[in-house]
């Protein structure tokens, strides 16, 4: 498992992700940023102007860590979601795809 390393807690991967409605509704008051709502399937995507997760605090800690979505749990842990800080080579192609998707979402919202 040479691709696996421990998360450094930089917050770089903490962007706009789909949240189950129940999680968003229960914890939206903990959000640190202004956001607009987008819908993805049956989930809510709180989108900020800078595309940073609303639950990432100023110390780069997740305010809903115990209840974070699966994609957040998997990021940097499975080869399909490589961390660009820990494994830059593996993440380059994925990052281009992620950047393209984020740009599309950003263009739709702002």
Protein backbone atom coordinates (compact mmCIF):
# COMPACT_ATOMS: atom_id res chain seq x y z
CA UNK A 1 0.00 0.00 0.00
CA UNK A 2 2.55 2.59 -1.04
CA UNK A 3 -0.25 5.06 -1.92
CA UNK A 4 -1.51 5.18 1.66
CA UNK A 5 -0.17 7.69 4.12
CA UNK A 6 -1.70 9.49 7.08
CA UNK A 7 -3.75 12.62 6.39
CA UNK A 8 -1.87 15.78 7.28
CA UNK A 9 -5.07 17.72 8.02
CA UNK A 10 -4.39 20.45 5.47
CA UNK A 11 -8.07 20.85 4.46
CA UNK A 12 -7.22 20.95 0.72
CA UNK A 13 -9.74 18.21 -0.03
CA UNK A 14 -12.58 19.85 1.89
CA UNK A 15 -14.78 21.16 -0.87
CA UNK A 16 -18.45 21.21 -1.77
CA UNK A 17 -19.70 17.63 -1.42
CA UNK A 18 -23.18 16.11 -1.45
CA UNK A 19 -24.63 15.60 2.02
CA UNK A 20 -27.58 13.48 3.03
CA UNK A 21 -30.52 15.79 3.73
CA UNK A 22 -30.80 14.59 7.32
CA UNK A 23 -27.14 15.45 8.04
CA UNK A 24 -27.36 18.85 6.34
CA UNK A 25 -30.61 19.75 8.12
CA UNK A 26 -29.32 18.67 11.52
CA UNK A 27 -25.93 20.42 11.31
CA UNK A 28 -26.32 23.36 8.92
CA UNK A 29 -26.20 25.76 11.88
CA UNK A 30 -22.53 24.75 12.34
CA UNK A 31 -21.61 26.05 8.89
CA UNK A 32 -18.77 28.59 8.89
CA UNK A 33 -19.45 30.18 5.48
CA UNK A 34 -22.26 31.61 3.41
CA UNK A 35 -23.51 29.12 0.84
CA UNK A 36 -26.07 28.43 -1.83
CA UNK A 37 -27.92 25.13 -2.10
CA UNK A 38 -27.51 22.81 -5.05
CA UNK A 39 -29.18 19.44 -5.33
CA UNK A 40 -27.44 16.25 -6.36
CA UNK A 41 -29.71 13.22 -6.58
CA UNK A 42 -31.41 13.12 -3.17
CA UNK A 43 -28.63 15.02 -1.45
CA UNK A 44 -27.85 18.66 -0.65
CA UNK A 45 -24.66 20.37 -1.80
CA UNK A 46 -23.94 23.58 0.10
CA UNK A 47 -21.77 25.53 -2.36
CA UNK A 48 -19.64 28.47 -1.26
CA UNK A 49 -18.05 31.08 -3.49
CA UNK A 50 -14.58 29.65 -2.78
CA UNK A 51 -15.82 26.04 -3.07
CA UNK A 52 -14.64 25.21 0.48
CA UNK A 53 -16.81 23.02 2.69
CA UNK A 54 -19.07 25.03 4.99
CA UNK A 55 -18.10 22.76 7.88
CA UNK A 56 -14.35 23.38 7.68
CA UNK A 57 -13.39 25.68 10.54
CA UNK A 58 -10.55 28.23 10.67
CA UNK A 59 -8.22 25.55 12.10
CA UNK A 60 -8.98 23.29 9.13
CA UNK A 61 -10.99 20.88 11.24
CA UNK A 62 -14.31 19.37 10.26
CA UNK A 63 -17.17 20.51 12.48
CA UNK A 64 -19.21 17.40 11.57
CA UNK A 65 -16.30 14.95 11.52
CA UNK A 66 -18.21 12.07 13.15
CA UNK A 67 -21.08 12.55 10.66
CA UNK A 68 -18.99 13.46 7.57
CA UNK A 69 -20.08 11.99 4.23
CA UNK A 70 -18.58 8.80 2.82
CA UNK A 71 -16.57 10.67 0.18
CA UNK A 72 -14.83 12.56 2.99
CA UNK A 73 -14.12 9.33 4.84
CA UNK A 74 -12.68 7.77 1.68
CA UNK A 75 -10.65 10.73 0.39
CA UNK A 76 -6.93 10.01 0.55
CA UNK A 77 -7.62 6.51 1.85
CA UNK A 78 -8.57 4.71 -1.35
CA UNK A 79 -6.58 4.88 -4.61
CA UNK A 80 -9.57 6.28 -6.54
CA UNK A 81 -9.55 9.42 -4.35
CA UNK A 82 -5.87 10.33 -3.92
CA UNK A 83 -4.76 13.26 -1.81
CA UNK A 84 -2.72 15.76 -3.85
CA UNK A 85 -0.53 16.60 -0.86
CA UNK A 86 0.27 12.99 0.06
CA UNK A 87 0.37 11.45 -3.42
CA UNK A 88 0.76 14.21 -6.04
CA UNK A 89 1.48 11.89 -9.00
CA UNK A 90 -1.64 9.77 -8.50
CA UNK A 91 -3.84 12.77 -7.90
CA UNK A 92 -2.90 14.84 -10.97
CA UNK A 93 -5.39 13.21 -13.36
CA UNK A 94 -8.07 13.06 -10.68
CA UNK A 95 -7.45 16.69 -9.74
CA UNK A 96 -7.98 17.84 -13.31
CA UNK A 97 -11.30 16.00 -13.36
CA UNK A 98 -12.29 17.39 -9.94
CA UNK A 99 -11.28 20.94 -10.94
CA UNK A 100 -13.37 20.67 -14.12
CA UNK A 101 -16.42 19.49 -12.14
CA UNK A 102 -15.98 22.19 -9.49
CA UNK A 103 -15.69 24.83 -12.21
CA UNK A 104 -18.95 23.61 -13.76
CA UNK A 105 -20.73 23.76 -10.40
CA UNK A 106 -19.21 27.17 -9.64
CA UNK A 107 -20.35 28.54 -13.02
CA UNK A 108 -23.89 27.30 -12.37
CA UNK A 109 -24.10 28.94 -8.95
CA UNK A 110 -22.21 32.22 -9.27
